[in-house]
Amino acid sequence: MSRSAFSPGRRSALRAGFALLGAAILVGCTAEGTLGEAGSLVTGRTRLPALAAEPPAGRVTVQVLPFTGIPVTIGDGIYQRFRLQAKDAGIDLVHRLDEPAHYRIQGHFVALGNESSVTVVFTYDIYDAKGARVHRIVGQEVAKLSDGDPWSGVDKDAETRLANRFTRAVKAWLTRAAT
C-alpha cells in the first residue's frame, strides 16, 4: 500500500501506535528477570551466563555482544566505528566471543519512522563477568526521512553518531565505575 493510501489522521494514529509499540519493547527490556536454563526470562534480575574463565587481571576489558533488533549491516557499521573510537578513547576491547572480559555489553535497537524522520531508540545493557546486569544506557538518535522500512533512513552519518554516543557513554560509565 502506498503512503498516500492513508489519510493524515490515520498516519498519525499509525505513528502513535508504532511509538507505543517501541515504548512497550523498551519497557520489556527493563523488566527484571533472570535467564533460565533455556535462556528464557524467568524472575529476578536480568542475567547473562557467567564466564567460564576469569577476565585478565590488571586491565579492565569490554566485550560487545551481537546487537539485537537491528539489520546486520547497520549493526556492523556501528560496531566497526565503535571499535575505532574505543581504541582512541582507551577502551580495551575483547574481540572474540569466547574470550573472557570484565564487562559484556548487549545492544538492543528499535527504529521508528514517521513522515519527517526516523528515530532509533537504543539500549545497551552492561553485564559483569558473573552475568549480572550492572548498568543500562538508554538513548535515541534521529536519522533522515525514509520511505517504507525505517532502517533505510539510517545512513553512514547516523551510524557514526550512534557509535559516538555509544563510545562516550561506555567511556563515561567505565570512568565512574573505576572510582
N, C-alpha and C. Protein backbone atom coordinates (compact mmCIF):
# COMPACT_ATOMS: atom_id res chain seq x y z
N MET A 1 0.85 -1.17 0.00
CA MET A 1 0.00 0.00 0.00
C MET A 1 0.89 1.23 0.00
N SER A 2 0.59 2.20 -0.81
CA SER A 2 1.44 3.39 -0.88
C SER A 2 1.18 4.29 0.30
N ARG A 3 2.09 5.20 0.50
CA ARG A 3 1.99 6.14 1.62
C ARG A 3 0.73 6.99 1.52
N SER A 4 0.33 7.34 0.28
CA SER A 4 -0.83 8.20 0.09
C SER A 4 -2.14 7.48 0.35
N ALA A 5 -2.12 6.16 0.51
CA ALA A 5 -3.34 5.40 0.77
C ALA A 5 -3.89 5.68 2.17
N PHE A 6 -3.08 6.24 3.04
CA PHE A 6 -3.52 6.54 4.40
C PHE A 6 -3.81 8.03 4.53
N SER A 7 -4.92 8.37 5.14
CA SER A 7 -5.25 9.77 5.38
C SER A 7 -4.31 10.31 6.46
N PRO A 8 -4.15 11.65 6.54
CA PRO A 8 -3.27 12.21 7.57
C PRO A 8 -3.65 11.76 8.98
N GLY A 9 -4.93 11.65 9.26
CA GLY A 9 -5.35 11.21 10.59
C GLY A 9 -4.98 9.77 10.87
N ARG A 10 -5.10 8.96 9.84
CA ARG A 10 -4.74 7.54 10.00
C ARG A 10 -3.23 7.38 10.15
N ARG A 11 -2.46 8.17 9.40
CA ARG A 11 -0.99 8.12 9.53
C ARG A 11 -0.58 8.53 10.93
N SER A 12 -1.25 9.54 11.49
CA SER A 12 -0.93 9.97 12.86
C SER A 12 -1.25 8.85 13.85
N ALA A 13 -2.36 8.17 13.64
CA ALA A 13 -2.72 7.06 14.52
C ALA A 13 -1.71 5.92 14.38
N LEU A 14 -1.27 5.65 13.16
CA LEU A 14 -0.26 4.61 12.95
C LEU A 14 1.06 4.99 13.62
N ARG A 15 1.49 6.25 13.48
CA ARG A 15 2.72 6.71 14.13
C ARG A 15 2.62 6.54 15.64
N ALA A 16 1.48 6.93 16.19
CA ALA A 16 1.29 6.80 17.64
C ALA A 16 1.34 5.33 18.05
N GLY A 17 0.72 4.47 17.23
CA GLY A 17 0.75 3.05 17.52
C GLY A 17 2.16 2.49 17.50
N PHE A 18 2.96 2.89 16.49
CA PHE A 18 4.35 2.43 16.42
C PHE A 18 5.18 2.97 17.57
N ALA A 19 4.91 4.21 17.96
CA ALA A 19 5.64 4.78 19.10
C ALA A 19 5.32 4.00 20.37
N LEU A 20 4.05 3.64 20.56
CA LEU A 20 3.67 2.85 21.73
C LEU A 20 4.30 1.46 21.67
N LEU A 21 4.35 0.87 20.48
CA LEU A 21 4.99 -0.43 20.32
C LEU A 21 6.47 -0.35 20.69
N GLY A 22 7.16 0.70 20.22
CA GLY A 22 8.57 0.88 20.56
C GLY A 22 8.76 1.06 22.06
N ALA A 23 7.88 1.85 22.67
CA ALA A 23 7.97 2.06 24.12
C ALA A 23 7.73 0.75 24.86
N ALA A 24 6.76 -0.05 24.37
CA ALA A 24 6.48 -1.34 25.02
C ALA A 24 7.67 -2.27 24.91
N ILE A 25 8.35 -2.24 23.77
CA ILE A 25 9.53 -3.08 23.61
C ILE A 25 10.61 -2.67 24.60
N LEU A 26 10.84 -1.36 24.73
CA LEU A 26 11.86 -0.90 25.67
C LEU A 26 11.46 -1.17 27.12
N VAL A 27 10.18 -1.06 27.43
CA VAL A 27 9.74 -1.40 28.79
C VAL A 27 10.02 -2.88 29.03
N GLY A 28 9.79 -3.71 28.03
CA GLY A 28 10.10 -5.12 28.16
C GLY A 28 11.58 -5.34 28.40
N CYS A 29 12.42 -4.48 27.82
CA CYS A 29 13.87 -4.60 28.03
C CYS A 29 14.24 -4.27 29.47
N THR A 30 13.43 -3.46 30.15
CA THR A 30 13.77 -3.08 31.51
C THR A 30 13.18 -4.02 32.55
N ALA A 31 12.38 -4.97 32.10
CA ALA A 31 11.79 -5.90 33.07
C ALA A 31 12.89 -6.67 33.76
N GLU A 32 12.74 -6.80 35.05
CA GLU A 32 13.72 -7.56 35.81
C GLU A 32 13.49 -9.03 35.58
N GLY A 33 14.53 -9.80 35.44
CA GLY A 33 14.37 -11.23 35.22
C GLY A 33 15.72 -11.90 35.15
N THR A 34 15.74 -13.22 35.22
CA THR A 34 16.96 -13.98 35.05
C THR A 34 16.79 -14.92 33.89
N LEU A 35 17.87 -15.31 33.30
CA LEU A 35 17.81 -16.25 32.21
C LEU A 35 17.82 -17.65 32.78
N GLY A 36 16.78 -18.41 32.47
CA GLY A 36 16.69 -19.78 32.93
C GLY A 36 17.58 -20.68 32.09
N GLU A 37 17.48 -21.98 32.33
CA GLU A 37 18.28 -22.96 31.62
C GLU A 37 18.15 -22.79 30.11
N ALA A 38 16.94 -22.56 29.61
CA ALA A 38 16.71 -22.46 28.17
C ALA A 38 16.93 -21.05 27.66
N GLY A 39 17.34 -20.12 28.53
CA GLY A 39 17.58 -18.74 28.12
C GLY A 39 16.34 -17.86 28.17
N SER A 40 15.25 -18.34 28.73
CA SER A 40 14.04 -17.53 28.79
C SER A 40 14.04 -16.67 30.04
N LEU A 41 13.27 -15.60 29.99
CA LEU A 41 13.17 -14.68 31.12
C LEU A 41 12.30 -15.31 32.19
N VAL A 42 12.81 -15.43 33.40
CA VAL A 42 12.05 -16.05 34.48
C VAL A 42 11.73 -14.95 35.49
N THR A 43 12.41 -14.90 36.63
CA THR A 43 12.17 -13.86 37.62
C THR A 43 13.50 -13.38 38.16
N GLY A 44 13.49 -12.25 38.86
CA GLY A 44 14.72 -11.72 39.42
C GLY A 44 15.34 -10.68 38.51
N ARG A 45 16.66 -10.64 38.45
CA ARG A 45 17.39 -9.63 37.69
C ARG A 45 17.90 -10.22 36.37
N THR A 46 17.89 -9.41 35.32
CA THR A 46 18.36 -9.86 34.01
C THR A 46 19.83 -10.28 34.10
N ARG A 47 20.15 -11.45 33.52
CA ARG A 47 21.49 -12.01 33.62
C ARG A 47 21.93 -12.59 32.28
N LEU A 48 23.23 -12.70 32.14
CA LEU A 48 23.86 -13.48 31.09
C LEU A 48 24.52 -14.67 31.77
N PRO A 49 24.83 -15.72 31.04
CA PRO A 49 25.58 -16.81 31.67
C PRO A 49 26.93 -16.31 32.16
N ALA A 50 27.38 -16.82 33.29
CA ALA A 50 28.69 -16.44 33.82
C ALA A 50 29.78 -16.93 32.87
N LEU A 51 30.91 -16.24 32.87
CA LEU A 51 32.04 -16.65 32.04
C LEU A 51 32.67 -17.92 32.57
N ALA A 52 33.18 -18.74 31.67
CA ALA A 52 33.84 -19.99 32.07
C ALA A 52 35.22 -19.71 32.65
N ALA A 53 35.88 -18.65 32.17
CA ALA A 53 37.22 -18.30 32.65
C ALA A 53 37.20 -16.87 33.19
N GLU A 54 38.15 -16.58 34.07
CA GLU A 54 38.26 -15.25 34.65
C GLU A 54 38.84 -14.27 33.62
N PRO A 55 38.38 -13.00 33.65
CA PRO A 55 38.98 -11.99 32.77
C PRO A 55 40.42 -11.72 33.18
N PRO A 56 41.23 -11.15 32.28
CA PRO A 56 42.64 -10.88 32.62
C PRO A 56 42.77 -9.88 33.76
N ALA A 57 43.72 -10.10 34.61
CA ALA A 57 43.96 -9.19 35.74
C ALA A 57 44.75 -7.98 35.26
N GLY A 58 44.59 -6.86 35.96
CA GLY A 58 45.40 -5.68 35.70
C GLY A 58 44.84 -4.71 34.69
N ARG A 59 43.84 -5.10 33.93
CA ARG A 59 43.24 -4.17 32.97
C ARG A 59 41.76 -4.50 32.85
N VAL A 60 40.94 -3.48 32.65
CA VAL A 60 39.50 -3.67 32.51
C VAL A 60 39.20 -3.87 31.02
N THR A 61 38.56 -4.99 30.71
CA THR A 61 38.25 -5.30 29.33
C THR A 61 36.74 -5.30 29.10
N VAL A 62 36.37 -4.99 27.86
CA VAL A 62 34.96 -4.88 27.47
C VAL A 62 34.76 -5.73 26.22
N GLN A 63 33.65 -6.42 26.20
CA GLN A 63 33.28 -7.22 25.03
C GLN A 63 31.89 -6.78 24.58
N VAL A 64 31.73 -6.54 23.28
CA VAL A 64 30.43 -6.16 22.73
C VAL A 64 29.82 -7.40 22.10
N LEU A 65 28.67 -7.81 22.63
CA LEU A 65 27.94 -8.95 22.09
C LEU A 65 27.17 -8.52 20.85
N PRO A 66 26.75 -9.47 20.02
CA PRO A 66 25.98 -9.09 18.82
C PRO A 66 24.73 -8.30 19.20
N PHE A 67 24.45 -7.26 18.41
CA PHE A 67 23.29 -6.41 18.65
C PHE A 67 22.01 -7.15 18.25
N THR A 68 20.89 -6.76 18.87
CA THR A 68 19.59 -7.33 18.52
C THR A 68 18.66 -6.23 18.02
N GLY A 69 17.71 -6.63 17.17
CA GLY A 69 16.68 -5.70 16.70
C GLY A 69 17.13 -4.78 15.59
N ILE A 70 18.29 -5.02 15.00
CA ILE A 70 18.87 -4.11 14.01
C ILE A 70 19.38 -4.94 12.83
N PRO A 71 19.24 -4.42 11.60
CA PRO A 71 19.82 -5.15 10.47
C PRO A 71 21.33 -5.33 10.66
N VAL A 72 21.83 -6.48 10.25
CA VAL A 72 23.24 -6.83 10.46
C VAL A 72 24.18 -5.78 9.86
N THR A 73 23.89 -5.30 8.67
CA THR A 73 24.80 -4.34 8.03
C THR A 73 24.90 -3.04 8.82
N ILE A 74 23.79 -2.58 9.37
CA ILE A 74 23.80 -1.34 10.17
C ILE A 74 24.49 -1.61 11.51
N GLY A 75 24.17 -2.73 12.14
CA GLY A 75 24.83 -3.09 13.40
C GLY A 75 26.34 -3.21 13.23
N ASP A 76 26.77 -3.84 12.13
CA ASP A 76 28.21 -3.95 11.86
C ASP A 76 28.85 -2.59 11.66
N GLY A 77 28.14 -1.69 10.96
CA GLY A 77 28.67 -0.34 10.75
C GLY A 77 28.87 0.40 12.06
N ILE A 78 27.89 0.30 12.96
CA ILE A 78 28.01 0.95 14.27
C ILE A 78 29.16 0.32 15.05
N TYR A 79 29.23 -1.01 15.05
CA TYR A 79 30.28 -1.69 15.80
C TYR A 79 31.68 -1.36 15.27
N GLN A 80 31.86 -1.35 13.96
CA GLN A 80 33.17 -1.04 13.39
C GLN A 80 33.61 0.38 13.76
N ARG A 81 32.69 1.32 13.71
CA ARG A 81 33.02 2.70 14.11
C ARG A 81 33.33 2.76 15.61
N PHE A 82 32.55 2.01 16.41
CA PHE A 82 32.81 1.97 17.85
C PHE A 82 34.20 1.41 18.12
N ARG A 83 34.59 0.35 17.43
CA ARG A 83 35.93 -0.25 17.63
C ARG A 83 37.03 0.78 17.41
N LEU A 84 36.92 1.56 16.36
CA LEU A 84 37.93 2.58 16.08
C LEU A 84 37.95 3.65 17.16
N GLN A 85 36.77 4.10 17.56
CA GLN A 85 36.67 5.15 18.57
C GLN A 85 37.07 4.63 19.95
N ALA A 86 36.75 3.38 20.24
CA ALA A 86 37.09 2.80 21.54
C ALA A 86 38.60 2.77 21.74
N LYS A 87 39.32 2.44 20.71
CA LYS A 87 40.78 2.42 20.79
C LYS A 87 41.31 3.81 21.16
N ASP A 88 40.80 4.83 20.48
CA ASP A 88 41.22 6.21 20.77
C ASP A 88 40.79 6.65 22.17
N ALA A 89 39.66 6.12 22.66
CA ALA A 89 39.14 6.50 23.98
C ALA A 89 39.77 5.69 25.12
N GLY A 90 40.63 4.74 24.76
CA GLY A 90 41.27 3.93 25.80
C GLY A 90 40.39 2.82 26.35
N ILE A 91 39.39 2.41 25.59
CA ILE A 91 38.54 1.29 25.99
C ILE A 91 39.19 0.02 25.45
N ASP A 92 39.51 -0.90 26.34
CA ASP A 92 40.21 -2.13 25.97
C ASP A 92 39.18 -3.19 25.58
N LEU A 93 39.05 -3.43 24.27
CA LEU A 93 38.04 -4.37 23.77
C LEU A 93 38.59 -5.78 23.63
N VAL A 94 37.74 -6.74 23.93
CA VAL A 94 37.99 -8.15 23.65
C VAL A 94 37.13 -8.46 22.43
N HIS A 95 37.74 -8.93 21.37
CA HIS A 95 37.01 -9.07 20.10
C HIS A 95 36.36 -10.42 19.88
N ARG A 96 36.90 -11.47 20.46
CA ARG A 96 36.34 -12.80 20.25
C ARG A 96 35.33 -13.12 21.35
N LEU A 97 34.20 -13.71 20.96
CA LEU A 97 33.14 -14.01 21.93
C LEU A 97 33.54 -15.08 22.94
N ASP A 98 34.55 -15.90 22.62
CA ASP A 98 34.96 -16.93 23.57
C ASP A 98 36.06 -16.48 24.53
N GLU A 99 36.48 -15.22 24.42
CA GLU A 99 37.48 -14.68 25.35
C GLU A 99 36.78 -14.00 26.53
N PRO A 100 37.31 -14.16 27.74
CA PRO A 100 36.68 -13.51 28.89
C PRO A 100 36.93 -12.00 28.91
N ALA A 101 35.96 -11.27 29.45
CA ALA A 101 36.06 -9.82 29.61
C ALA A 101 35.43 -9.43 30.94
N HIS A 102 35.87 -8.30 31.50
CA HIS A 102 35.29 -7.83 32.76
C HIS A 102 33.83 -7.43 32.57
N TYR A 103 33.52 -6.82 31.42
CA TYR A 103 32.16 -6.36 31.14
C TYR A 103 31.77 -6.80 29.74
N ARG A 104 30.52 -7.24 29.61
CA ARG A 104 29.95 -7.59 28.32
C ARG A 104 28.78 -6.64 28.07
N ILE A 105 28.69 -6.15 26.85
CA ILE A 105 27.65 -5.18 26.50
C ILE A 105 26.75 -5.77 25.43
N GLN A 106 25.44 -5.74 25.70
CA GLN A 106 24.44 -6.21 24.74
C GLN A 106 23.61 -5.01 24.31
N GLY A 107 23.59 -4.72 23.02
CA GLY A 107 22.83 -3.60 22.48
C GLY A 107 21.52 -4.05 21.87
N HIS A 108 20.45 -3.31 22.15
CA HIS A 108 19.12 -3.58 21.61
C HIS A 108 18.65 -2.31 20.90
N PHE A 109 18.06 -2.44 19.71
CA PHE A 109 17.66 -1.29 18.90
C PHE A 109 16.24 -1.43 18.40
N VAL A 110 15.58 -0.28 18.24
CA VAL A 110 14.26 -0.18 17.62
C VAL A 110 14.30 1.07 16.74
N ALA A 111 13.78 0.97 15.51
CA ALA A 111 13.69 2.13 14.61
C ALA A 111 12.22 2.47 14.41
N LEU A 112 11.88 3.74 14.64
CA LEU A 112 10.50 4.21 14.49
C LEU A 112 10.49 5.31 13.44
N GLY A 113 9.77 5.08 12.35
CA GLY A 113 9.71 6.06 11.27
C GLY A 113 8.46 6.89 11.34
N ASN A 114 8.55 8.13 10.83
CA ASN A 114 7.37 8.97 10.68
C ASN A 114 7.53 9.76 9.37
N GLU A 115 6.71 10.75 9.16
CA GLU A 115 6.72 11.48 7.89
C GLU A 115 7.98 12.31 7.66
N SER A 116 8.70 12.66 8.72
CA SER A 116 9.83 13.56 8.54
C SER A 116 11.18 12.99 8.95
N SER A 117 11.19 11.88 9.70
CA SER A 117 12.47 11.35 10.17
C SER A 117 12.30 9.92 10.70
N VAL A 118 13.41 9.37 11.12
CA VAL A 118 13.45 8.06 11.77
C VAL A 118 14.10 8.26 13.12
N THR A 119 13.54 7.69 14.16
CA THR A 119 14.15 7.74 15.48
C THR A 119 14.62 6.33 15.82
N VAL A 120 15.92 6.21 16.09
CA VAL A 120 16.50 4.94 16.51
C VAL A 120 16.63 5.00 18.03
N VAL A 121 15.93 4.11 18.71
CA VAL A 121 15.98 4.03 20.16
C VAL A 121 16.92 2.87 20.50
N PHE A 122 17.87 3.12 21.41
CA PHE A 122 18.82 2.07 21.75
C PHE A 122 18.92 1.87 23.25
N THR A 123 19.24 0.65 23.61
CA THR A 123 19.50 0.28 25.00
C THR A 123 20.75 -0.58 25.00
N TYR A 124 21.73 -0.21 25.80
CA TYR A 124 22.93 -1.03 25.97
C TYR A 124 22.94 -1.52 27.41
N ASP A 125 22.84 -2.82 27.58
CA ASP A 125 22.93 -3.42 28.91
C ASP A 125 24.37 -3.87 29.14
N ILE A 126 24.94 -3.47 30.28
CA ILE A 126 26.31 -3.83 30.62
C ILE A 126 26.26 -4.88 31.73
N TYR A 127 26.91 -6.02 31.48
CA TYR A 127 26.93 -7.15 32.41
C TYR A 127 28.34 -7.36 32.93
N ASP A 128 28.45 -7.80 34.17
CA ASP A 128 29.77 -8.13 34.71
C ASP A 128 30.13 -9.56 34.31
N ALA A 129 31.31 -10.01 34.74
CA ALA A 129 31.80 -11.34 34.36
C ALA A 129 30.92 -12.47 34.90
N LYS A 130 30.19 -12.19 35.98
CA LYS A 130 29.30 -13.20 36.56
C LYS A 130 27.96 -13.26 35.85
N GLY A 131 27.72 -12.31 34.94
CA GLY A 131 26.48 -12.30 34.17
C GLY A 131 25.41 -11.40 34.70
N ALA A 132 25.67 -10.65 35.77
CA ALA A 132 24.66 -9.75 36.34
C ALA A 132 24.71 -8.40 35.63
N ARG A 133 23.54 -7.87 35.31
CA ARG A 133 23.50 -6.54 34.69
C ARG A 133 23.89 -5.51 35.74
N VAL A 134 24.88 -4.68 35.42
CA VAL A 134 25.37 -3.68 36.36
C VAL A 134 25.05 -2.25 35.92
N HIS A 135 24.68 -2.07 34.66
CA HIS A 135 24.36 -0.72 34.19
C HIS A 135 23.55 -0.81 32.91
N ARG A 136 22.77 0.22 32.64
CA ARG A 136 21.99 0.32 31.40
C ARG A 136 22.15 1.72 30.83
N ILE A 137 22.41 1.78 29.53
CA ILE A 137 22.50 3.04 28.80
C ILE A 137 21.31 3.06 27.84
N VAL A 138 20.52 4.13 27.89
CA VAL A 138 19.35 4.26 27.02
C VAL A 138 19.43 5.60 26.32
N GLY A 139 19.08 5.62 25.06
CA GLY A 139 19.07 6.88 24.32
C GLY A 139 18.38 6.73 22.99
N GLN A 140 18.47 7.80 22.21
CA GLN A 140 17.89 7.79 20.88
C GLN A 140 18.68 8.70 19.96
N GLU A 141 18.57 8.42 18.68
CA GLU A 141 19.24 9.21 17.66
C GLU A 141 18.25 9.39 16.51
N VAL A 142 18.19 10.58 15.95
CA VAL A 142 17.29 10.86 14.84
C VAL A 142 18.08 10.76 13.55
N ALA A 143 17.49 10.08 12.57
CA ALA A 143 18.10 9.92 11.25
C ALA A 143 17.18 10.56 10.21
N LYS A 144 17.66 10.58 8.98
CA LYS A 144 16.91 11.24 7.91
C LYS A 144 15.61 10.50 7.59
N LEU A 145 14.76 11.17 6.87
CA LEU A 145 13.49 10.62 6.43
C LEU A 145 13.70 9.38 5.58
N SER A 146 12.87 8.39 5.79
CA SER A 146 12.91 7.20 4.94
C SER A 146 11.49 6.87 4.51
N ASP A 147 11.40 6.16 3.42
CA ASP A 147 10.10 5.74 2.93
C ASP A 147 10.04 4.22 3.05
N GLY A 148 9.05 3.72 3.74
CA GLY A 148 8.94 2.27 3.93
C GLY A 148 9.64 1.84 5.20
N ASP A 149 10.68 1.03 5.04
CA ASP A 149 11.43 0.49 6.18
C ASP A 149 12.17 1.60 6.91
N PRO A 150 11.91 1.82 8.20
CA PRO A 150 12.60 2.90 8.92
C PRO A 150 14.11 2.73 8.93
N TRP A 151 14.61 1.48 8.88
CA TRP A 151 16.06 1.28 8.90
C TRP A 151 16.73 1.85 7.66
N SER A 152 15.98 2.02 6.57
CA SER A 152 16.60 2.56 5.35
C SER A 152 17.02 4.02 5.54
N GLY A 153 16.51 4.69 6.56
CA GLY A 153 16.91 6.06 6.85
C GLY A 153 18.18 6.16 7.67
N VAL A 154 18.70 5.03 8.14
CA VAL A 154 19.92 5.04 8.95
C VAL A 154 21.11 4.93 8.00
N ASP A 155 21.71 6.07 7.68
CA ASP A 155 22.85 6.11 6.76
C ASP A 155 24.17 6.08 7.53
N LYS A 156 25.28 6.25 6.84
CA LYS A 156 26.61 6.19 7.47
C LYS A 156 26.78 7.29 8.52
N ASP A 157 26.22 8.48 8.26
CA ASP A 157 26.31 9.56 9.25
C ASP A 157 25.58 9.19 10.54
N ALA A 158 24.39 8.59 10.41
CA ALA A 158 23.64 8.17 11.59
C ALA A 158 24.38 7.06 12.33
N GLU A 159 25.00 6.12 11.59
CA GLU A 159 25.80 5.07 12.23
C GLU A 159 26.94 5.69 13.03
N THR A 160 27.59 6.69 12.45
CA THR A 160 28.69 7.37 13.14
C THR A 160 28.20 8.05 14.40
N ARG A 161 27.06 8.74 14.34
CA ARG A 161 26.51 9.41 15.53
C ARG A 161 26.15 8.38 16.60
N LEU A 162 25.57 7.25 16.19
CA LEU A 162 25.23 6.19 17.15
C LEU A 162 26.50 5.63 17.79
N ALA A 163 27.54 5.42 17.01
CA ALA A 163 28.82 4.91 17.55
C ALA A 163 29.45 5.94 18.49
N ASN A 164 29.38 7.23 18.13
CA ASN A 164 29.92 8.29 19.01
C ASN A 164 29.22 8.27 20.36
N ARG A 165 27.91 8.19 20.35
CA ARG A 165 27.16 8.17 21.61
C ARG A 165 27.49 6.94 22.43
N PHE A 166 27.61 5.79 21.75
CA PHE A 166 27.96 4.53 22.40
C PHE A 166 29.33 4.65 23.06
N THR A 167 30.30 5.15 22.33
CA THR A 167 31.67 5.28 22.85
C THR A 167 31.71 6.20 24.06
N ARG A 168 31.10 7.39 23.93
CA ARG A 168 31.11 8.36 25.04
C ARG A 168 30.42 7.79 26.27
N ALA A 169 29.28 7.12 26.08
CA ALA A 169 28.53 6.58 27.23
C ALA A 169 29.31 5.46 27.92
N VAL A 170 29.93 4.57 27.15
CA VAL A 170 30.70 3.47 27.75
C VAL A 170 31.92 4.02 28.47
N LYS A 171 32.63 4.96 27.84
CA LYS A 171 33.82 5.55 28.47
C LYS A 171 33.44 6.26 29.76
N ALA A 172 32.35 7.02 29.75
CA ALA A 172 31.91 7.73 30.95
C ALA A 172 31.56 6.74 32.05
N TRP A 173 30.85 5.66 31.71
CA TRP A 173 30.48 4.69 32.73
C TRP A 173 31.72 3.98 33.27
N LEU A 174 32.64 3.58 32.40
CA LEU A 174 33.87 2.92 32.88
C LEU A 174 34.67 3.83 33.80
N THR A 175 34.71 5.12 33.48
CA THR A 175 35.41 6.08 34.32
C THR A 175 34.75 6.18 35.70
N ARG A 176 33.42 6.26 35.72
CA ARG A 176 32.70 6.32 37.01
C ARG A 176 32.83 5.02 37.77
N ALA A 177 32.78 3.88 37.06
CA ALA A 177 32.86 2.57 37.72
C ALA A 177 34.22 2.34 38.34
N ALA A 178 35.27 2.97 37.80
CA ALA A 178 36.63 2.77 38.30
C ALA A 178 36.89 3.56 39.59
N THR A 179 36.02 4.52 39.89
CA THR A 179 36.25 5.34 41.09
C THR A 179 35.51 4.81 42.29
